[in-house]
Amino acid sequence: MKILPVFICILLSLSAFSQKIDRIKLDSVINVADKLIENGPQVFFNNVESLIIWSQGDVIFEKYYNDYNKDSLHQIQSQTKSIISLLMGIAIDNGFIESEDELVSNYFPEYFRKDDSVKLTVTIRDLLTMSSGIEWEEMIPFDDPRNDNINMFNSSNYLQYALSKPMATKPYSEFKYNSGSPMIVGGIIEKSSKMPLDKFAEKYLFNPLAINNHYWIKDSTGFCHCGGGLFLKPIDMMKIGVLVLSSGKWNDKQIVADSWIKKAIQPYFTTSFDNAGYGYFWWVRQMMTTKGNTTEVICAEGAGGQRLYIFPLYKLLVAFTERNYTTPQVSPIFIRESILPILE
């Protein structure tokens, strides 16, 4: 299946900078993974919903499991954040927003007191890099009353909840995972473009990529859940990966500025999440191959095993959807034990 018929020229122009993968080895590890997902005794294999592999211009494997099919919509969870990052780049490129260096207070002055000099300095960049300094607790049990992500979801007004939080530290001083940050970024896109976020996404990103079936969780005001509320077909999330891999181009048309893609996938902070770096709502890792080399891997990740892995040097993408919220996720095992060992 070709999802980019005009993409060959881009691949050829980049071929001098890419490494090839032994197709026989790649097919072999995919076959082993497929059999494990179908027949493996461990419960986490039964929780895999889809596996898609794209290599050198083609989808070479696409399969759905456990009563899911190619038309099933999946909640992509925090992969939504990575898409919000692309939408911010599009908003800047279209002149709705000057740059990510703009102050958040320019858009929502009612939430920024003049005597709160620290909060007044928060920029869009601080939100994109999860370094706003806004007080937030999320990496705690769901039933903990201090969990801001759950409290925000139950608040009926996502944007108001995120903007109302006080400051804890100086902006851009440390990484702190905060699902309120993409809510504010989405609110800025809406306010600057004068378009609901879902309509903005359709016009500038989804329609050009022929992503025609999607769904957003919304609050009582009709505002989209920008932190994890988007539902897509898995093959459409793969399109997002191809777009990033091709420096923002789709069918030879620039959808997201190349300069924005470069910024978005550059690591600004090292995190406590297996030492991954963090860009503009994208994860960046240096992974070790069995030959002792390192290769950069760009990731969009969501709770439960929603994973998109981009291997730029090898022109390889791997996408999983899973329901492994309390059980081990399959995709990290597949990458570690199957993909990395075959990379030259």
Foldseek 3Di string as FASTA:
>chain_A
DFLFPLCLVLLVVCVVQFDAFDVVLVVVLVVVLVCCLVDPPDVQSQFWAWKWKDFNGGTPDTDGDDPHDQPDWDQLFQLLQVLLLQLLLLCCVVPLDVDQQDFLCVQVVVLPDPVQVQLRRFTSQLLQQQFRQFDADAPDDPPPPRHLVNVLVVVLHNQCSLSNTHGHDHGPPAHDDDQSSSLSSLVSSCRSVVHQSVVSCCVQPCVVSVQDDKDFDHGNVRHGSSRTGIIGRQVSVVSVLVCLLSQQDGNNRRRGHSVSSVQQADFPHQDPPVRWGGGRSKTWDFDAAPVGHTFIWIWSHRAQAFIWIAGNNRRMIMGIDGRRNPHDHDVVVSCVPRVRHRGD
